[in-house]
Protein backbone atom coordinates (compact mmCIF):
# COMPACT_ATOMS: atom_id res chain seq x y z
CA MET A 1 104.98 106.00 58.18
CA ASN A 2 103.56 109.64 57.76
CA ASP A 3 102.17 109.30 54.35
CA LYS A 4 100.62 105.72 55.02
CA ILE A 5 99.16 107.68 58.22
CA LEU A 6 97.75 110.63 56.20
CA SER A 7 96.08 108.23 53.58
CA LEU A 8 94.18 106.57 56.30
CA ILE A 9 93.13 109.92 57.55
CA ASN A 10 92.19 111.08 54.04
CA GLU A 11 90.29 107.60 53.49
CA GLY A 12 88.16 107.95 56.68
CA LYS A 13 89.92 104.97 58.31
CA TYR A 14 90.39 107.22 61.65
CA PHE A 15 90.86 104.09 64.04
CA GLU A 16 93.40 102.72 62.31
CA ALA A 17 95.22 105.86 61.99
CA ARG A 18 94.87 105.93 65.58
CA ASN A 19 96.63 103.10 66.33
CA GLU A 20 99.59 104.08 64.24
CA ILE A 21 99.63 107.40 65.33
CA SER A 22 99.93 106.37 68.83
CA ASN A 23 103.08 104.03 68.26
CA LEU A 24 104.79 107.30 67.13
CA ASN A 25 107.10 109.46 69.56
CA VAL A 26 104.56 112.14 70.87
CA VAL A 27 107.36 114.50 69.16
CA ASP A 28 106.59 113.10 65.74
CA ALA A 29 102.80 112.66 66.12
CA ALA A 30 102.67 116.49 66.60
CA GLN A 31 104.59 117.04 63.71
CA LEU A 32 102.35 114.93 61.70
CA PHE A 33 99.33 116.99 62.85
CA GLU A 34 101.16 120.34 60.96
CA GLU A 35 100.57 118.04 57.67
CA VAL A 36 96.40 117.02 58.43
CA GLU A 37 94.07 118.72 56.80
CA GLN A 38 92.36 121.26 59.07
CA LYS A 39 88.87 119.46 58.56
CA HIS A 40 90.52 116.16 60.02
CA ILE A 41 92.93 117.68 62.94
CA LEU A 42 90.29 117.92 65.56
CA LEU A 43 88.39 114.27 65.15
CA VAL A 44 91.69 112.55 65.01
CA PHE A 45 93.29 114.50 68.17
CA ARG A 46 89.81 113.28 69.71
CA ILE A 47 89.86 109.81 69.03
CA LEU A 48 93.72 109.72 70.76
CA PRO A 49 94.49 108.13 74.13
CA LYS A 50 93.91 110.54 76.39
CA ASP A 51 97.45 111.15 78.14
CA PHE A 52 99.05 110.42 74.54
CA SER A 53 96.94 113.43 73.19
CA SER A 54 97.57 115.76 76.28
CA GLU A 55 101.65 115.08 75.14
CA VAL A 56 101.12 115.46 71.77
CA PHE A 57 99.15 118.85 72.40
CA SER A 58 102.32 120.05 74.33
CA TYR A 59 104.43 119.57 71.16
CA MET A 60 102.43 121.53 69.01
CA SER A 61 102.82 124.87 67.51
CA PHE A 62 100.88 127.65 68.92
CA ASP A 63 99.08 128.16 65.87
CA LEU A 64 97.93 124.48 65.89
CA GLN A 65 97.45 124.53 69.29
CA LYS A 66 94.85 127.45 69.11
CA HIS A 67 92.83 125.79 65.97
CA VAL A 68 92.28 122.67 68.00
CA ILE A 69 91.32 124.76 71.34
CA ASP A 70 89.04 126.78 69.15
CA SER A 71 87.32 123.77 67.73
CA MET A 72 86.87 121.86 71.19
CA THR A 73 84.21 122.66 73.95
CA ASP A 74 85.08 124.57 76.91
CA GLU A 75 84.87 121.40 78.76
CA GLU A 76 87.30 119.56 76.63
CA ALA A 77 89.77 122.38 76.09
CA PHE A 78 90.05 122.34 80.05
CA LYS A 79 90.65 118.37 80.19
CA VAL A 80 93.46 118.99 77.74
CA LEU A 81 95.25 122.15 79.69
CA ASP A 82 94.35 120.10 83.16
CA ASP A 83 96.65 116.97 81.92
CA LEU A 84 99.38 119.13 80.81
CA TYR A 85 102.56 120.00 82.98
CA LEU A 86 101.74 123.17 84.95
CA ASP A 87 104.58 125.35 83.15
CA ASP A 88 103.72 123.67 79.67
CA ALA A 89 100.21 124.86 80.69
CA VAL A 90 100.92 128.72 81.41
CA ASP A 91 103.52 128.95 78.43
CA PHE A 92 100.41 127.85 75.95
CA LEU A 93 97.98 130.72 77.99
CA GLU A 94 100.38 133.08 77.67
CA GLU A 95 100.63 133.05 74.01
CA MET A 96 96.96 132.39 73.27
CA PRO A 97 94.26 135.21 72.81
CA ALA A 98 92.60 136.73 75.74
CA ASN A 99 89.01 135.45 75.04
CA VAL A 100 91.01 131.53 74.90
CA VAL A 101 92.53 132.08 78.04
CA LYS A 102 89.04 133.32 79.68
CA ARG A 103 87.19 130.15 78.13
CA ILE A 104 89.66 128.09 79.71
CA LEU A 105 90.31 129.59 83.29
CA LYS A 106 86.42 129.72 84.05
CA ASN A 107 86.12 126.20 84.42
CA THR A 108 89.23 126.03 86.25
CA ASP A 109 88.41 125.67 90.51
CA LYS A 110 89.84 128.72 92.34
CA ASP A 111 93.24 127.37 93.47
CA MET A 112 94.31 126.34 89.97
CA ARG A 113 93.21 129.76 88.97
CA ASP A 114 95.16 131.48 91.14
CA LEU A 115 98.30 129.50 90.53
CA ILE A 116 98.00 129.82 86.68
CA ASN A 117 97.54 133.50 87.50
CA GLN A 118 100.28 133.99 89.51
CA PHE A 119 102.56 131.83 87.15
CA LEU A 120 101.39 134.35 84.20
CA ASP A 121 102.33 137.28 86.38
CA TYR A 122 106.04 136.39 86.50
CA PRO A 123 108.00 139.04 84.02
CA ALA A 124 108.11 137.27 80.62
CA ASP A 125 111.74 135.90 80.62
CA SER A 126 112.05 135.30 84.41
CA ALA A 127 112.47 132.06 86.17
CA GLY A 128 109.41 132.15 87.57
CA SER A 129 107.42 131.90 84.09
CA LEU A 130 109.89 129.34 82.98
CA MET A 131 109.48 126.64 86.02
CA THR A 132 106.80 124.27 87.11
CA ILE A 133 105.64 123.01 90.55
CA GLU A 134 105.89 119.16 89.57
CA TYR A 135 109.28 118.13 91.69
CA ALA A 136 109.94 115.71 94.52
CA ASP A 137 110.35 117.30 97.75
CA LEU A 138 111.52 115.59 100.59
CA LYS A 139 112.00 116.71 104.47
CA LYS A 140 115.40 116.28 105.82
CA GLU A 141 113.94 114.32 108.91
CA MET A 142 113.17 111.74 106.40
CA THR A 143 114.84 108.08 106.62
CA VAL A 144 115.65 106.57 102.99
CA ALA A 145 112.90 104.07 103.14
CA GLN A 146 110.32 106.92 103.51
CA ALA A 147 111.80 109.01 101.01
CA LEU A 148 112.00 106.05 98.31
CA GLN A 149 107.91 105.21 99.18
CA TYR A 150 107.19 108.88 99.07
CA ILE A 151 108.38 109.31 95.70
CA ARG A 152 106.56 106.14 94.51
CA GLU A 153 103.39 107.63 95.80
CA ILE A 154 103.65 111.22 93.93
CA GLY A 155 106.37 110.30 91.30
CA ILE A 156 104.10 109.78 88.56
CA ASP A 157 102.95 113.20 88.65
CA LYS A 158 106.27 114.90 88.78
CA ARG A 159 108.21 116.18 86.07
CA THR A 160 111.10 114.74 87.17
CA ILE A 161 111.97 112.51 89.81
CA ASN A 162 115.97 111.99 89.34
CA THR A 163 116.76 114.71 91.09
CA CYS A 164 114.70 115.46 94.89
CA PHE A 165 114.66 118.37 97.10
CA VAL A 166 115.22 118.76 100.57
CA MET A 167 113.26 121.26 102.69
CA ASP A 168 112.73 121.93 106.20
CA GLN A 169 109.02 122.53 107.68
CA SER A 170 108.67 126.04 106.36
CA ARG A 171 109.89 124.97 102.93
CA ILE A 172 113.51 126.43 103.29
CA LEU A 173 115.33 124.69 100.62
CA GLU A 174 118.14 122.86 102.24
CA GLY A 175 119.58 120.88 99.72
CA ARG A 176 119.19 118.30 96.77
CA ILE A 177 119.71 114.24 96.69
CA SER A 178 119.91 112.50 93.68
CA LEU A 179 117.37 109.28 93.06
CA ARG A 180 121.03 107.43 92.41
CA ARG A 181 121.90 108.21 96.15
CA LEU A 182 118.94 107.07 97.74
CA ILE A 183 118.80 103.80 95.81
CA LEU A 184 122.35 103.35 97.03
CA SER A 185 122.09 104.14 100.52
CA ASP A 186 121.05 102.01 103.71
CA GLU A 187 117.41 102.62 103.77
CA SER A 188 117.85 103.69 107.68
CA ALA A 189 120.23 106.72 106.55
CA ILE A 190 118.50 109.95 107.54
CA ILE A 191 118.77 112.64 104.15
CA LYS A 192 119.61 115.18 106.07
CA ASP A 193 123.01 113.34 106.47
CA ILE A 194 123.45 112.08 102.47
CA MET A 195 122.01 115.22 101.12
CA ASP A 196 124.11 117.85 98.93
CA THR A 197 123.74 121.44 100.37
CA ASP A 198 126.29 122.85 97.91
CA GLY A 199 123.58 123.01 95.16
CA ILE A 200 122.81 126.25 93.02
CA SER A 201 119.46 127.75 92.84
CA VAL A 202 117.86 130.38 91.15
CA ASN A 203 115.34 133.64 91.77
CA THR A 204 111.92 133.84 90.43
CA HIS A 205 112.75 137.22 89.03
CA ASP A 206 116.23 136.10 87.75
CA ASP A 207 116.45 136.76 83.49
CA GLN A 208 116.09 133.33 81.91
CA GLU A 209 119.23 133.87 80.02
CA ASP A 210 121.16 133.91 83.16
CA VAL A 211 119.55 130.54 84.61
CA ALA A 212 120.49 128.89 80.97
CA ALA A 213 123.79 130.26 81.60
CA LEU A 214 123.80 128.57 85.07
CA PHE A 215 122.78 125.43 83.71
CA ARG A 216 125.36 125.45 80.60
CA LYS A 217 128.10 126.28 83.40
CA TYR A 218 127.08 123.63 86.16
CA ASP A 219 125.94 120.87 83.88
CA TYR A 220 122.77 120.77 85.48
CA TYR A 221 119.37 118.68 84.56
CA VAL A 222 117.14 120.36 86.95
CA MET A 223 117.70 124.05 89.13
CA PRO A 224 115.23 124.80 91.97
CA VAL A 225 113.56 127.89 91.66
CA VAL A 226 113.39 130.02 95.28
CA ASP A 227 111.55 133.37 96.53
CA LYS A 228 113.10 136.19 98.13
CA GLU A 229 112.52 133.80 101.27
CA ASN A 230 114.95 131.25 99.70
CA ARG A 231 111.33 129.16 99.96
CA LEU A 232 111.54 126.37 97.16
CA VAL A 233 108.49 127.39 94.81
CA GLY A 234 109.34 125.40 91.49
CA ILE A 235 112.21 123.83 89.81
CA ILE A 236 113.20 124.28 86.07
CA THR A 237 114.15 121.25 83.68
CA VAL A 238 116.74 121.31 81.15
CA ASP A 239 114.35 121.02 78.04
CA ASP A 240 113.01 124.03 79.10
CA VAL A 241 116.46 125.86 79.00
CA LEU A 242 117.19 124.50 75.88
CA ASP A 243 113.69 126.04 74.38
CA VAL A 244 115.38 129.33 76.09
CA ILE A 245 118.71 128.63 74.39
CA ASP A 246 117.51 128.37 70.93
CA ARG A 247 115.06 131.37 71.43
CA GLU A 248 118.32 133.56 72.33
CA ALA A 249 120.46 132.24 69.68
CA THR A 250 117.84 132.95 66.98
CA GLU A 251 117.39 136.31 68.62
CA ASP A 252 120.98 136.77 68.25
CA ILE A 253 121.43 136.41 64.83
CA GLN A 254 118.27 138.44 63.92
CA ARG A 255 119.74 141.22 65.96
CA MET A 256 123.38 140.68 64.20
CA ALA A 257 121.34 140.94 60.84
CA ALA A 258 120.12 144.21 62.07
CA MET A 259 116.54 142.92 62.67
CA ARG A 260 113.84 143.65 65.38
CA PRO A 261 113.69 139.92 66.75
CA SER A 262 110.48 137.97 65.97
CA GLU A 263 109.17 134.47 67.74
CA THR A 264 107.23 133.61 65.02
CA GLU A 265 108.04 131.20 62.37
CA TYR A 266 109.41 132.65 59.09
CA LEU A 267 106.74 130.89 56.63
CA LYS A 268 104.27 131.91 59.02
CA THR A 269 104.94 135.26 58.99
CA GLY A 270 103.29 138.14 56.97
CA ASN A 271 104.95 139.64 54.43
CA TRP A 272 104.49 143.30 56.33
CA SER A 273 105.34 141.86 59.34
CA LEU A 274 108.56 141.01 57.96
CA THR A 275 108.91 144.17 56.32
CA LYS A 276 108.26 146.50 59.89
CA HIS A 277 110.66 143.98 61.68
CA ARG A 278 113.63 144.74 58.86
CA LEU A 279 112.52 148.25 58.19
CA PRO A 280 114.24 150.40 61.31
CA TRP A 281 117.41 149.28 61.08
CA LEU A 282 117.47 149.62 57.09
CA LEU A 283 116.56 152.78 57.50
CA VAL A 284 118.67 153.68 60.45
CA LEU A 285 121.71 152.24 58.08
CA MET A 286 120.89 153.96 55.08
CA VAL A 287 120.97 157.56 57.07
CA SER A 288 124.32 156.84 58.77
CA ALA A 289 125.49 155.94 55.31
CA THR A 290 125.02 159.25 54.24
CA PHE A 291 128.37 159.93 56.46
CA THR A 292 130.03 158.01 53.78
CA GLY A 293 128.89 159.76 50.83
CA GLY A 294 129.45 163.28 52.57
CA ILE A 295 133.58 162.02 52.89
CA ILE A 296 133.71 160.80 49.33
CA SER A 297 132.13 164.32 47.98
CA ARG A 298 134.61 166.09 50.32
CA TYR A 299 137.45 164.36 48.12
CA GLU A 300 135.77 164.88 44.95
CA SER A 301 138.78 166.93 43.67
CA ALA A 302 141.11 164.65 44.88
CA LEU A 303 139.19 161.62 43.07
CA GLN A 304 139.25 163.85 39.87
CA ALA A 305 142.86 164.30 40.31
CA THR A 306 143.63 160.65 40.77
CA ILE A 307 140.55 158.30 39.09
CA ILE A 308 142.47 155.20 40.11
CA LEU A 309 141.79 155.99 43.65
CA THR A 310 138.49 155.20 43.52
CA ALA A 311 138.58 151.78 42.15
CA PHE A 312 139.84 150.46 45.34
CA ILE A 313 137.22 152.02 47.75
CA PRO A 314 134.90 149.07 47.42
CA MET A 315 137.78 146.56 48.31
CA LEU A 316 138.88 148.67 51.24
CA MET A 317 135.19 148.91 52.58
CA ASP A 318 134.50 145.60 52.34
CA THR A 319 137.78 144.12 53.71
CA GLY A 320 136.78 146.57 56.87
CA GLY A 321 133.50 145.20 57.04
CA ASN A 322 134.39 141.86 56.95
CA SER A 323 137.40 142.31 59.63
CA GLY A 324 135.03 144.25 62.11
CA SER A 325 132.30 141.51 61.59
CA GLN A 326 134.70 138.26 62.41
CA SER A 327 135.84 140.31 65.53
CA SER A 328 132.68 140.92 66.54
CA SER A 329 130.86 137.76 65.89
CA LEU A 330 133.78 136.48 68.45
CA ILE A 331 133.14 138.86 70.92
CA ILE A 332 129.11 138.20 71.09
CA ARG A 333 129.35 134.41 71.48
CA GLY A 334 132.49 134.61 74.31
CA LEU A 335 129.93 136.99 76.26
CA ALA A 336 126.99 134.91 75.71
CA LEU A 337 129.06 131.61 76.98
CA GLU A 338 130.64 133.76 79.74
CA GLN A 339 134.15 133.27 78.25
CA ILE A 340 134.48 136.91 78.20
CA SER A 341 133.41 139.59 80.41
CA THR A 342 133.42 143.31 80.17
CA LYS A 343 136.54 143.88 82.48
CA ASP A 344 138.56 141.50 80.01
CA ILE A 345 138.11 144.97 77.40
CA PHE A 346 141.62 145.64 77.47
CA LYS A 347 142.74 141.91 76.72
CA VAL A 348 140.20 141.82 74.24
CA ILE A 349 141.62 145.05 72.57
CA GLY A 350 145.17 143.79 72.70
CA LYS A 351 144.52 140.36 71.29
CA GLU A 352 142.47 142.20 68.24
CA PHE A 353 145.40 144.53 67.58
CA VAL A 354 147.83 141.85 67.27
CA VAL A 355 145.46 139.85 65.23
CA GLY A 356 144.76 142.64 63.19
CA ALA A 357 148.48 143.63 62.51
CA TYR A 358 148.91 139.83 61.99
CA SER A 359 145.72 139.64 59.16
CA GLY A 360 146.55 143.75 57.57
CA ALA A 361 150.27 143.01 57.05
CA ILE A 362 149.60 139.79 55.15
CA LEU A 363 146.68 140.99 53.24
CA ALA A 364 148.80 144.49 52.60
CA ALA A 365 151.50 142.65 51.28
CA VAL A 366 149.35 140.44 48.99
CA ASN A 367 147.54 143.37 47.77
CA PHE A 368 151.01 145.62 47.00
CA LEU A 369 152.18 142.48 44.94
CA ARG A 370 148.74 142.41 43.22
CA ILE A 371 147.95 146.01 42.45
CA TYR A 372 151.81 147.08 42.02
CA PHE A 373 153.45 144.02 39.61
CA LEU A 374 150.08 142.70 37.80
CA GLU A 375 148.10 145.78 37.33
CA LYS A 376 150.57 147.92 37.25
CA VAL A 377 149.41 151.01 39.31
CA GLU A 378 152.07 153.64 40.35
CA LEU A 379 154.21 152.97 43.46
CA SER A 380 152.80 155.82 45.32
CA VAL A 381 148.93 154.63 44.62
CA ALA A 382 149.89 151.03 45.65
CA ILE A 383 151.47 152.06 48.83
CA THR A 384 148.79 154.24 49.53
CA VAL A 385 146.39 151.65 48.95
CA SER A 386 147.97 148.93 50.78
CA VAL A 387 149.18 150.78 54.24
CA THR A 388 145.08 151.57 54.15
CA LEU A 389 144.33 148.22 54.18
CA LEU A 390 146.97 147.15 56.90
CA ILE A 391 145.38 150.23 59.20
CA THR A 392 141.78 149.25 57.99
CA VAL A 393 141.88 145.73 59.30
CA ILE A 394 143.52 146.69 62.51
CA LEU A 395 141.08 149.32 63.18
CA ALA A 396 138.36 147.17 61.94
CA LYS A 397 138.94 144.17 64.54
CA VAL A 398 139.70 146.52 67.40
CA VAL A 399 136.24 148.15 66.94
CA GLY A 400 134.75 145.09 66.35
CA GLY A 401 135.99 143.74 69.81
CA ILE A 402 135.15 146.57 71.50
CA LEU A 403 131.43 147.91 70.45
CA PRO A 404 129.88 144.25 72.43
CA LEU A 405 132.11 144.80 74.96
CA LEU A 406 130.80 148.73 75.45
CA ALA A 407 126.82 147.31 74.53
CA LYS A 408 127.53 144.74 77.41
CA LYS A 409 128.53 147.45 79.78
CA LEU A 410 125.42 149.65 78.88
CA LYS A 411 123.04 147.15 79.62
CA MET A 412 122.20 146.68 76.02
CA ASP A 413 122.38 143.34 73.61
CA PRO A 414 125.67 142.93 72.46
CA ALA A 415 124.15 141.36 69.19
CA VAL A 416 122.83 145.01 68.40
CA MET A 417 126.80 145.99 67.89
CA ALA A 418 127.29 143.31 64.73
CA GLY A 419 127.90 143.22 61.44
CA PRO A 420 126.08 146.25 59.65
CA LEU A 421 126.30 148.82 62.43
CA ILE A 422 130.17 147.90 62.59
CA THR A 423 130.11 148.09 59.04
CA THR A 424 128.76 151.90 58.67
CA ILE A 425 131.36 152.68 61.68
CA VAL A 426 134.36 151.49 59.74
CA ASP A 427 133.15 152.41 56.29
CA ALA A 428 133.44 156.29 57.40
CA VAL A 429 136.84 156.01 59.09
CA VAL A 430 138.44 154.17 56.02
CA LEU A 431 137.64 156.59 53.95
CA ILE A 432 138.74 159.12 55.95
CA ILE A 433 142.35 157.38 56.68
CA TYR A 434 142.16 156.61 52.82
CA PHE A 435 142.38 160.15 51.33
CA SER A 436 144.76 161.50 54.28
CA LEU A 437 147.24 158.95 53.42
CA ALA A 438 146.39 159.70 49.88
CA SER A 439 147.24 163.37 50.44
CA LEU A 440 150.59 162.57 52.07
CA PHE A 441 151.90 159.81 49.32
CA ILE A 442 150.38 161.19 46.26
CA GLY A 443 150.25 165.23 47.42
CA ILE A 444 146.39 165.52 46.02
C-alpha cells in the first residue's frame, strides 16, 4: 500500500494519493510521511482532510512536525495546532525551538496563550505537563438524563467520555462515574447517589513515573489531576502513560549500559552526540579499573611463582560480573514495578545469598571437575580457583541486589547501579579474594 501511495505522489497524482492516505489509520499515515520526499510533504499534507491531517500531525516525529510547521504560514501553523488536543499541542511546543513557539503563540488569543504558558510552566516530568483539559465534567446534582444530554453536547471535543468526573460548585473533585453506569442507570437517578467516591487522583506536580505506577497498579484508563486544593484541573489518559513507560524503560536501559539518557532516535542522533552520551561513564569505569590493575601489580611476585593462576582470572571476573548483573537487573525491574521497596533490603540480601550459594556451589563443582580432571592442574590450584568462584558468585549476587536498593534510598536512579559499575566493583573484590586464598592454599 505504501509503495503505491509513494508512487502516486512521485508521479504528481496528489489527489489520488490523498484518497489512499485518507483510508489509512492516522498512525500509519504519519509513518508514511517519514518516507515521502521533503519537497512533497507540505503539499500532500495541505490537501488532506482537515480533521484527519491534525490527527496525523500529532503522531509525526518531532523532526517531521518541525519541517511541516517551518514550511507553513503563521496562520496555517496555528490552525494545525488549534485542532490538536491541548496536551498534544503542549508536547509539540515543548520540543520546538523558541522562534517556532513564538510564531505560533502570537496568533492565539490571550486565554489560549495563558493556558498554554501555564502548561509549559509545569516541571517537564510532572503530571501537569502530561495532562489534558479536554475531559467530561459533571455536577453531582445532575440527573442521569441531564448528564447524558450534557455529554452529547460537549463529548465530541473531549479526549474521552468513557469516564466522567464529578465536581461541586467550586470544582472540588468528588467522584467519578463511567458512561456504562450512566447508560444503565434510571434516568431520574441523581449523580451523587450512583457515583464512585473512592477513586485515585494525582497532583499536578507528581512525577510522571509515579503516575505511570498508579495506572499500572489500579488498571485505570484515565486519571484525574488536581491542584493543591483538590480542584480538578485535567486528566491523564492511558495512551500518554504508555509513552511515559516507553521513555522511562528506554532511559533505564541506557543507564544500565552506562550511558547518559537521550530522547533522540538512534539513527537521527549525531555521532558526536552519541559519543558525548557514552564517554563520561567510560572514563569513570576506565579510571576505576586501574584499581584492578593495582591489585594485580601488588601480587605480581605471586603470579610469577604460580603462572597458572593468571589463566583463571578472566573466568573469575566474567562470572562475577555476570552474576551481579543478573541480580541487579531483577532488583531494578522489581523496583520499577513496585514489587520491591527499600525496606525489603534484608529480604533481598537473604534471597540473593541463598541463590548465590546454590549457583556458586554448582559452578564451583563443575569448574573443579573440569580443571582438575581434564586440565590436570594441581589440587591446590583447583581448590583455590573453585573456592574463589563460590565466594565470588555469592558476593556478586548480594552486591548486585544491594546497590540498586541503596541508590533508591539515596534518591538516585537504581539503573545507574547496573552492569558496568557492579562489574568494576566485583572485579576488584574478586582479585583480592583470589590472591588471599592462593596465599592460604598454595602458600605463595
